Structure formats: C-alpha cells, structure tokens
N, C-alpha and C. Protein backbone atom coordinates (compact mmCIF):
# COMPACT_ATOMS: atom_id res chain seq x y z
N MET A 1 157.82 126.18 220.03
CA MET A 1 157.72 124.82 219.53
C MET A 1 158.45 124.72 218.19
N THR A 2 159.08 123.58 217.98
CA THR A 2 159.83 123.36 216.75
C THR A 2 158.92 122.72 215.71
N MET A 3 159.45 122.57 214.50
CA MET A 3 158.68 121.95 213.41
C MET A 3 158.30 120.52 213.78
N VAL A 4 159.20 119.79 214.40
CA VAL A 4 158.89 118.41 214.77
C VAL A 4 157.76 118.37 215.79
N ASP A 5 157.69 119.35 216.68
CA ASP A 5 156.59 119.42 217.64
C ASP A 5 155.26 119.57 216.90
N TRP A 6 155.23 120.44 215.90
CA TRP A 6 154.01 120.65 215.13
C TRP A 6 153.62 119.39 214.36
N ILE A 7 154.61 118.68 213.83
CA ILE A 7 154.34 117.43 213.11
C ILE A 7 153.75 116.40 214.07
N PHE A 8 154.35 116.25 215.24
CA PHE A 8 153.84 115.29 216.22
C PHE A 8 152.45 115.68 216.69
N LEU A 9 152.23 116.95 216.89
CA LEU A 9 150.91 117.44 217.29
C LEU A 9 149.88 117.14 216.19
N ALA A 10 150.27 117.32 214.94
CA ALA A 10 149.38 117.02 213.81
C ALA A 10 149.03 115.54 213.77
N ILE A 11 150.01 114.67 214.01
CA ILE A 11 149.75 113.23 214.03
C ILE A 11 148.70 112.89 215.08
N VAL A 12 148.86 113.43 216.27
CA VAL A 12 147.92 113.15 217.35
C VAL A 12 146.54 113.71 217.02
N LEU A 13 146.49 114.94 216.52
CA LEU A 13 145.20 115.56 216.20
C LEU A 13 144.48 114.85 215.06
N ILE A 14 145.21 114.45 214.04
CA ILE A 14 144.60 113.74 212.91
C ILE A 14 144.07 112.39 213.37
N SER A 15 144.84 111.67 214.15
CA SER A 15 144.39 110.39 214.68
C SER A 15 143.13 110.56 215.52
N THR A 16 143.12 111.59 216.35
CA THR A 16 141.97 111.87 217.20
C THR A 16 140.74 112.22 216.36
N ALA A 17 140.92 113.07 215.36
CA ALA A 17 139.81 113.48 214.51
C ALA A 17 139.23 112.31 213.72
N ILE A 18 140.09 111.47 213.18
CA ILE A 18 139.62 110.31 212.43
C ILE A 18 138.80 109.40 213.33
N ALA A 19 139.30 109.14 214.53
CA ALA A 19 138.59 108.26 215.46
C ALA A 19 137.29 108.90 215.94
N LEU A 20 137.26 110.21 216.08
CA LEU A 20 136.03 110.91 216.47
C LEU A 20 134.97 110.73 215.40
N VAL A 21 135.36 110.88 214.15
CA VAL A 21 134.42 110.75 213.04
C VAL A 21 133.96 109.30 212.88
N ARG A 22 134.89 108.37 212.97
CA ARG A 22 134.55 106.96 212.74
C ARG A 22 133.92 106.30 213.95
N GLY A 23 134.32 106.68 215.13
CA GLY A 23 133.79 106.07 216.35
C GLY A 23 134.66 104.92 216.83
N PHE A 24 134.49 104.59 218.10
CA PHE A 24 135.31 103.58 218.75
C PHE A 24 135.12 102.20 218.13
N VAL A 25 133.87 101.82 217.90
CA VAL A 25 133.59 100.48 217.38
C VAL A 25 134.27 100.27 216.04
N LYS A 26 134.11 101.22 215.12
CA LYS A 26 134.76 101.09 213.81
C LYS A 26 136.27 101.05 213.94
N GLU A 27 136.82 101.88 214.81
CA GLU A 27 138.27 101.93 214.98
C GLU A 27 138.81 100.60 215.51
N VAL A 28 138.16 100.06 216.52
CA VAL A 28 138.64 98.81 217.12
C VAL A 28 138.47 97.66 216.15
N ILE A 29 137.32 97.58 215.49
CA ILE A 29 137.12 96.49 214.54
C ILE A 29 138.12 96.61 213.39
N SER A 30 138.39 97.82 212.94
CA SER A 30 139.39 98.01 211.88
C SER A 30 140.76 97.55 212.33
N LEU A 31 141.15 97.92 213.54
CA LEU A 31 142.45 97.50 214.06
C LEU A 31 142.53 95.98 214.17
N VAL A 32 141.50 95.37 214.72
CA VAL A 32 141.47 93.91 214.86
C VAL A 32 141.49 93.26 213.48
N THR A 33 140.77 93.82 212.53
CA THR A 33 140.73 93.27 211.17
C THR A 33 142.11 93.31 210.53
N TRP A 34 142.82 94.43 210.65
CA TRP A 34 144.16 94.54 210.07
C TRP A 34 145.12 93.54 210.73
N LEU A 35 145.04 93.43 212.05
CA LEU A 35 145.91 92.48 212.75
C LEU A 35 145.57 91.05 212.35
N ALA A 36 144.27 90.74 212.26
CA ALA A 36 143.84 89.40 211.86
C ALA A 36 144.26 89.11 210.42
N ALA A 37 144.11 90.09 209.54
CA ALA A 37 144.50 89.90 208.14
C ALA A 37 145.99 89.57 208.04
N PHE A 38 146.79 90.31 208.77
CA PHE A 38 148.23 90.04 208.74
C PHE A 38 148.54 88.67 209.34
N GLY A 39 147.95 88.36 210.49
CA GLY A 39 148.20 87.08 211.15
C GLY A 39 147.75 85.90 210.32
N ILE A 40 146.55 85.98 209.77
CA ILE A 40 146.02 84.87 208.96
C ILE A 40 146.84 84.71 207.69
N ALA A 41 147.16 85.81 207.03
CA ALA A 41 147.97 85.73 205.81
C ALA A 41 149.34 85.15 206.10
N LEU A 42 149.92 85.55 207.21
CA LEU A 42 151.24 85.04 207.59
C LEU A 42 151.17 83.55 207.93
N ALA A 43 150.13 83.15 208.65
CA ALA A 43 150.01 81.76 209.09
C ALA A 43 149.65 80.80 207.96
N PHE A 44 148.85 81.25 207.00
CA PHE A 44 148.30 80.32 206.02
C PHE A 44 148.76 80.55 204.58
N SER A 45 149.60 81.53 204.33
CA SER A 45 150.02 81.80 202.95
C SER A 45 150.81 80.64 202.36
N GLN A 46 151.61 79.99 203.17
CA GLN A 46 152.39 78.84 202.69
C GLN A 46 151.44 77.72 202.24
N THR A 47 150.42 77.46 203.04
CA THR A 47 149.45 76.41 202.72
C THR A 47 148.61 76.82 201.51
N ALA A 48 148.17 78.06 201.46
CA ALA A 48 147.32 78.54 200.38
C ALA A 48 148.07 78.69 199.06
N ALA A 49 149.38 78.69 199.10
CA ALA A 49 150.18 78.86 197.88
C ALA A 49 149.92 77.75 196.87
N VAL A 50 149.51 76.58 197.33
CA VAL A 50 149.22 75.48 196.40
C VAL A 50 147.99 75.78 195.54
N LEU A 51 147.16 76.72 195.96
CA LEU A 51 145.97 77.09 195.20
C LEU A 51 146.26 78.11 194.10
N VAL A 52 147.45 78.69 194.14
CA VAL A 52 147.85 79.66 193.10
C VAL A 52 148.16 78.87 191.83
N PRO A 53 147.66 79.32 190.68
CA PRO A 53 147.89 78.58 189.43
C PRO A 53 149.37 78.29 189.18
N GLU A 54 149.62 77.15 188.58
CA GLU A 54 151.00 76.72 188.31
C GLU A 54 151.69 77.59 187.27
N ALA A 55 150.95 78.48 186.64
CA ALA A 55 151.57 79.41 185.69
C ALA A 55 152.59 80.29 186.41
N VAL A 56 152.38 80.48 187.70
CA VAL A 56 153.37 81.19 188.52
C VAL A 56 154.34 80.12 189.01
N ASP A 57 155.50 80.04 188.38
CA ASP A 57 156.42 78.94 188.67
C ASP A 57 157.44 79.23 189.76
N ILE A 58 157.48 80.44 190.27
CA ILE A 58 158.42 80.78 191.35
C ILE A 58 157.70 80.56 192.68
N PRO A 59 158.19 79.61 193.50
CA PRO A 59 157.50 79.29 194.76
C PRO A 59 157.29 80.50 195.68
N SER A 60 158.28 81.36 195.79
CA SER A 60 158.12 82.52 196.68
C SER A 60 157.07 83.49 196.14
N ALA A 61 156.94 83.57 194.83
CA ALA A 61 155.90 84.43 194.23
C ALA A 61 154.52 83.86 194.52
N ARG A 62 154.40 82.54 194.50
CA ARG A 62 153.11 81.90 194.81
C ARG A 62 152.73 82.17 196.26
N VAL A 63 153.70 82.11 197.15
CA VAL A 63 153.43 82.40 198.57
C VAL A 63 153.03 83.87 198.72
N ALA A 64 153.73 84.75 198.02
CA ALA A 64 153.41 86.19 198.10
C ALA A 64 152.01 86.47 197.58
N ILE A 65 151.63 85.84 196.48
CA ILE A 65 150.29 86.01 195.92
C ILE A 65 149.25 85.49 196.91
N ALA A 66 149.52 84.33 197.50
CA ALA A 66 148.60 83.76 198.49
C ALA A 66 148.48 84.69 199.70
N PHE A 67 149.60 85.26 200.13
CA PHE A 67 149.60 86.18 201.27
C PHE A 67 148.70 87.38 200.97
N VAL A 68 148.91 87.99 199.82
CA VAL A 68 148.11 89.17 199.45
C VAL A 68 146.63 88.81 199.32
N ALA A 69 146.34 87.66 198.70
CA ALA A 69 144.95 87.24 198.54
C ALA A 69 144.27 87.02 199.89
N LEU A 70 144.94 86.31 200.79
CA LEU A 70 144.38 86.08 202.12
C LEU A 70 144.19 87.40 202.86
N PHE A 71 145.18 88.26 202.77
CA PHE A 71 145.13 89.56 203.44
C PHE A 71 143.91 90.35 202.96
N VAL A 72 143.72 90.42 201.66
CA VAL A 72 142.61 91.18 201.08
C VAL A 72 141.27 90.56 201.45
N VAL A 73 141.16 89.24 201.39
CA VAL A 73 139.90 88.57 201.74
C VAL A 73 139.52 88.85 203.19
N VAL A 74 140.49 88.77 204.09
CA VAL A 74 140.20 89.05 205.50
C VAL A 74 139.81 90.52 205.68
N LEU A 75 140.47 91.43 204.98
CA LEU A 75 140.09 92.84 205.06
C LEU A 75 138.66 93.07 204.57
N ILE A 76 138.29 92.41 203.50
CA ILE A 76 136.92 92.56 202.97
C ILE A 76 135.91 92.01 203.97
N LEU A 77 136.18 90.81 204.51
CA LEU A 77 135.27 90.24 205.50
C LEU A 77 135.18 91.13 206.74
N GLY A 78 136.31 91.64 207.19
CA GLY A 78 136.32 92.55 208.33
C GLY A 78 135.54 93.82 208.05
N GLY A 79 135.64 94.32 206.83
CA GLY A 79 134.88 95.50 206.43
C GLY A 79 133.38 95.27 206.47
N ILE A 80 132.96 94.09 206.03
CA ILE A 80 131.54 93.74 206.07
C ILE A 80 131.06 93.65 207.52
N ILE A 81 131.84 92.99 208.36
CA ILE A 81 131.50 92.87 209.78
C ILE A 81 131.46 94.26 210.42
N ASN A 82 132.43 95.08 210.10
CA ASN A 82 132.51 96.44 210.64
C ASN A 82 131.26 97.23 210.25
N TRP A 83 130.86 97.14 209.00
CA TRP A 83 129.67 97.85 208.52
C TRP A 83 128.43 97.39 209.29
N ALA A 84 128.27 96.06 209.44
CA ALA A 84 127.09 95.53 210.12
C ALA A 84 127.03 95.96 211.59
N ILE A 85 128.15 95.87 212.27
CA ILE A 85 128.17 96.25 213.69
C ILE A 85 127.99 97.76 213.84
N SER A 86 128.56 98.53 212.93
CA SER A 86 128.38 99.99 212.99
C SER A 86 126.92 100.38 212.80
N LYS A 87 126.23 99.69 211.92
CA LYS A 87 124.79 99.95 211.73
C LYS A 87 124.03 99.62 213.00
N LEU A 88 124.42 98.56 213.68
CA LEU A 88 123.79 98.18 214.94
C LEU A 88 124.00 99.26 215.99
N VAL A 89 125.21 99.79 216.07
CA VAL A 89 125.52 100.86 217.03
C VAL A 89 124.67 102.09 216.72
N GLU A 90 124.53 102.42 215.43
CA GLU A 90 123.72 103.59 215.05
C GLU A 90 122.26 103.41 215.43
N THR A 91 121.71 102.21 215.22
CA THR A 91 120.29 101.99 215.52
C THR A 91 120.01 101.94 217.01
N THR A 92 121.01 101.64 217.82
CA THR A 92 120.80 101.62 219.27
C THR A 92 120.93 103.00 219.88
N GLY A 93 121.33 103.98 219.09
CA GLY A 93 121.44 105.34 219.60
C GLY A 93 122.71 105.61 220.39
N LEU A 94 123.70 104.76 220.24
CA LEU A 94 124.95 104.92 220.98
C LEU A 94 126.03 105.64 220.18
N SER A 95 125.65 106.23 219.06
CA SER A 95 126.69 106.80 218.20
C SER A 95 127.44 107.97 218.86
N GLY A 96 126.77 108.76 219.70
CA GLY A 96 127.46 109.86 220.39
C GLY A 96 128.50 109.35 221.36
N THR A 97 128.12 108.36 222.15
CA THR A 97 129.07 107.74 223.08
C THR A 97 130.19 107.05 222.32
N ASP A 98 129.82 106.36 221.25
CA ASP A 98 130.80 105.65 220.43
C ASP A 98 131.84 106.63 219.88
N ARG A 99 131.41 107.77 219.44
CA ARG A 99 132.33 108.77 218.88
C ARG A 99 133.21 109.38 219.97
N SER A 100 132.63 109.61 221.14
CA SER A 100 133.41 110.18 222.25
C SER A 100 134.50 109.23 222.70
N VAL A 101 134.14 107.97 222.87
CA VAL A 101 135.14 106.97 223.26
C VAL A 101 136.14 106.77 222.12
N GLY A 102 135.65 106.86 220.88
CA GLY A 102 136.54 106.78 219.73
C GLY A 102 137.58 107.88 219.72
N MET A 103 137.17 109.07 220.14
CA MET A 103 138.10 110.20 220.20
C MET A 103 139.24 109.90 221.18
N VAL A 104 138.90 109.33 222.33
CA VAL A 104 139.94 108.98 223.32
C VAL A 104 140.86 107.91 222.73
N PHE A 105 140.26 106.92 222.06
CA PHE A 105 141.05 105.87 221.41
C PHE A 105 142.00 106.49 220.39
N GLY A 106 141.51 107.42 219.58
CA GLY A 106 142.34 108.07 218.57
C GLY A 106 143.47 108.88 219.18
N LEU A 107 143.17 109.54 220.29
CA LEU A 107 144.21 110.30 221.00
C LEU A 107 145.32 109.37 221.48
N LEU A 108 144.91 108.27 222.10
CA LEU A 108 145.91 107.30 222.59
C LEU A 108 146.70 106.69 221.43
N ARG A 109 146.01 106.39 220.33
CA ARG A 109 146.70 105.83 219.17
C ARG A 109 147.71 106.82 218.63
N GLY A 110 147.33 108.09 218.54
CA GLY A 110 148.25 109.12 218.05
C GLY A 110 149.48 109.25 218.93
N VAL A 111 149.27 109.22 220.24
CA VAL A 111 150.40 109.29 221.18
C VAL A 111 151.30 108.08 220.99
N LEU A 112 150.71 106.89 220.82
CA LEU A 112 151.52 105.68 220.61
C LEU A 112 152.28 105.73 219.29
N ILE A 113 151.68 106.29 218.26
CA ILE A 113 152.38 106.43 216.98
C ILE A 113 153.60 107.33 217.14
N VAL A 114 153.42 108.46 217.80
CA VAL A 114 154.55 109.38 218.02
C VAL A 114 155.61 108.71 218.89
N ALA A 115 155.18 108.01 219.94
CA ALA A 115 156.14 107.31 220.80
C ALA A 115 156.90 106.25 220.01
N GLY A 116 156.21 105.56 219.11
CA GLY A 116 156.88 104.58 218.24
C GLY A 116 157.89 105.24 217.33
N LEU A 117 157.55 106.41 216.80
CA LEU A 117 158.50 107.15 215.96
C LEU A 117 159.73 107.56 216.77
N LEU A 118 159.51 107.97 218.02
CA LEU A 118 160.64 108.32 218.89
C LEU A 118 161.52 107.10 219.15
N LEU A 119 160.88 105.94 219.36
CA LEU A 119 161.67 104.72 219.56
C LEU A 119 162.53 104.43 218.34
N LEU A 120 161.92 104.53 217.16
CA LEU A 120 162.70 104.31 215.94
C LEU A 120 163.84 105.31 215.84
N GLY A 121 163.56 106.56 216.16
CA GLY A 121 164.61 107.58 216.15
C GLY A 121 165.70 107.29 217.15
N GLY A 122 165.34 106.64 218.26
CA GLY A 122 166.31 106.30 219.29
C GLY A 122 167.35 105.28 218.85
N PHE A 123 167.05 104.56 217.76
CA PHE A 123 168.02 103.60 217.22
C PHE A 123 169.05 104.28 216.32
N THR A 124 168.86 105.58 216.11
CA THR A 124 169.75 106.35 215.24
C THR A 124 170.44 107.44 216.06
N ALA A 125 171.11 108.33 215.37
CA ALA A 125 171.76 109.46 216.04
C ALA A 125 170.83 110.67 216.15
N LEU A 126 169.57 110.53 215.77
CA LEU A 126 168.64 111.67 215.80
C LEU A 126 168.51 112.34 217.17
N PRO A 127 168.53 111.59 218.27
CA PRO A 127 168.39 112.28 219.57
C PRO A 127 169.49 113.29 219.87
N GLN A 128 170.60 113.23 219.16
CA GLN A 128 171.67 114.20 219.38
C GLN A 128 171.51 115.44 218.50
N GLU A 129 170.56 115.41 217.57
CA GLU A 129 170.34 116.55 216.68
C GLU A 129 169.78 117.74 217.46
N ALA A 130 170.10 118.93 217.00
CA ALA A 130 169.67 120.16 217.69
C ALA A 130 168.15 120.28 217.75
N TRP A 131 167.46 119.93 216.66
CA TRP A 131 166.00 120.06 216.65
C TRP A 131 165.35 119.11 217.65
N TRP A 132 165.95 117.92 217.84
CA TRP A 132 165.44 116.96 218.83
C TRP A 132 165.60 117.54 220.22
N GLN A 133 166.79 118.05 220.47
CA GLN A 133 167.09 118.63 221.78
C GLN A 133 166.23 119.86 222.08
N ALA A 134 165.87 120.63 221.05
CA ALA A 134 165.10 121.86 221.23
C ALA A 134 163.59 121.61 221.31
N SER A 135 163.17 120.40 221.03
CA SER A 135 161.74 120.09 221.00
C SER A 135 161.10 120.26 222.38
N THR A 136 159.90 120.82 222.37
CA THR A 136 159.13 120.98 223.59
C THR A 136 158.36 119.71 223.93
N LEU A 137 157.87 119.01 222.90
CA LEU A 137 156.99 117.86 223.11
C LEU A 137 157.71 116.52 223.23
N ILE A 138 158.89 116.40 222.64
CA ILE A 138 159.59 115.11 222.67
C ILE A 138 159.76 114.58 224.09
N PRO A 139 160.16 115.38 225.07
CA PRO A 139 160.30 114.82 226.42
C PRO A 139 159.00 114.21 226.97
N HIS A 140 157.85 114.78 226.60
CA HIS A 140 156.57 114.25 227.06
C HIS A 140 156.24 112.93 226.37
N PHE A 141 156.45 112.88 225.06
CA PHE A 141 156.20 111.64 224.33
C PHE A 141 157.23 110.57 224.68
N GLN A 142 158.41 111.01 225.07
CA GLN A 142 159.49 110.09 225.42
C GLN A 142 159.12 109.26 226.65
N VAL A 143 158.32 109.82 227.54
CA VAL A 143 157.85 109.07 228.71
C VAL A 143 157.07 107.84 228.25
N VAL A 144 156.19 108.03 227.27
CA VAL A 144 155.41 106.91 226.73
C VAL A 144 156.34 105.95 225.99
N ALA A 145 157.29 106.48 225.24
CA ALA A 145 158.24 105.64 224.52
C ALA A 145 159.04 104.78 225.49
N GLU A 146 159.36 105.31 226.65
CA GLU A 146 160.09 104.53 227.65
C GLU A 146 159.24 103.41 228.22
N TRP A 147 157.93 103.63 228.32
CA TRP A 147 157.03 102.54 228.73
C TRP A 147 157.07 101.42 227.68
N LEU A 148 157.04 101.81 226.40
CA LEU A 148 157.12 100.82 225.33
C LEU A 148 158.48 100.11 225.35
N LEU A 149 159.50 100.87 225.63
CA LEU A 149 160.85 100.33 225.69
C LEU A 149 160.96 99.26 226.78
N ALA A 150 160.23 99.45 227.87
CA ALA A 150 160.29 98.52 229.00
C ALA A 150 159.74 97.14 228.63
N VAL A 151 158.88 97.05 227.62
CA VAL A 151 158.32 95.75 227.24
C VAL A 151 159.04 95.13 226.04
N MET A 152 160.03 95.84 225.53
CA MET A 152 160.81 95.31 224.41
C MET A 152 161.89 94.37 224.94
N PRO A 153 162.34 93.42 224.11
CA PRO A 153 163.44 92.56 224.53
C PRO A 153 164.67 93.40 224.90
N ALA A 154 165.37 92.98 225.94
CA ALA A 154 166.51 93.75 226.46
C ALA A 154 167.59 93.98 225.41
N ASP A 155 167.85 92.98 224.56
CA ASP A 155 168.91 93.15 223.57
C ASP A 155 168.53 94.17 222.50
N VAL A 156 167.24 94.39 222.30
CA VAL A 156 166.79 95.43 221.37
C VAL A 156 166.77 96.78 222.08
N ALA A 157 166.22 96.80 223.29
CA ALA A 157 166.05 98.04 224.05
C ALA A 157 167.38 98.73 224.34
N ARG A 158 168.44 97.97 224.52
CA ARG A 158 169.72 98.60 224.87
C ARG A 158 170.32 99.41 223.72
N ASN A 159 169.77 99.24 222.51
CA ASN A 159 170.27 99.99 221.36
C ASN A 159 169.62 101.36 221.20
N VAL A 160 168.61 101.64 222.01
CA VAL A 160 167.95 102.95 221.95
C VAL A 160 168.77 103.93 222.76
N GLN A 161 169.10 105.06 222.13
CA GLN A 161 169.94 106.07 222.80
C GLN A 161 169.23 107.41 222.79
N TRP A 162 168.94 107.91 223.98
CA TRP A 162 168.46 109.28 224.08
C TRP A 162 168.87 109.89 225.37
C-alpha cells in the first residue's frame, strides 16, 4: 500500500470512529444542521443584511456579516435540538443501536469523502502520477467516485480524467 492508501484508510477510519462515538442520531442531525445553516444563510443573508448596523457601509460586507450571523444562529439552534434528541435516545436505551448504526453511517461518509477527493483529483493531472497508479485502494474508491460522477452534470463530468 502507498502513502495515499494509508491516508484514505485513515480518513475512513476516523470518520467511522467519530460516528461510532457520537452515534447515528447526532451525526444525522449535525449533517442536517450544517446543510440547513448553509441553506438558510444563503437564502436570507441578503434580506437580513438590512439589520446589520449602518456603521458597516460596504453592502457586500453587510451581506457577509448577515450570512455568518444566520449560519451561527442556525448551528446553535441545531446544537440545542441535537442535544435534546440525543438525551431522548439515551433515556430510551437505544444508545448501543444508535452507535452501531452511526458507525455504518461514518463508514459510508468516509468512503464518500475519499470518493469526492478522487473526483477533485480527476479534474487535474493527478491520475497520471505514479503514486496514483500504484495505489491499491484508489481503484476501489474510484467505483464509488464513478457513481457520483454519473449524477453530475455532463459538462462537468466530462472533465474528469482517470
């Protein structure tokens, strides 16, 4: 195995371990919270910019401040919801199952992260590098990356070379 194989293996193992410790419920709520924070901040930062004090006279800076504020508020609210639901899971005695399913979720997330990295690498000349060609694990992760590639727009996907 090459160094890149060990790095990819570490990514998958770390993701799996984190999800095992945190559990499925926390992982999913965290993911949804981050996506919601980004979506809400993106959708409403322009509108919320009027609430930023006029001392900030650059319009784009006001939008950026509103974006960050909305993002942080949604993350805090999501964290509170996550804490409450996690306590509920603990009191129902489902924490063992929650952690086991969380481990599977973390494994899948780690594989998707590595596949995403391979996709990004596919937009460059990295696939022609000797270490890429010598990798034991890249061909396996590349199968998943090709699934992701299939759902990408055709004009983007055609730029991936491996």
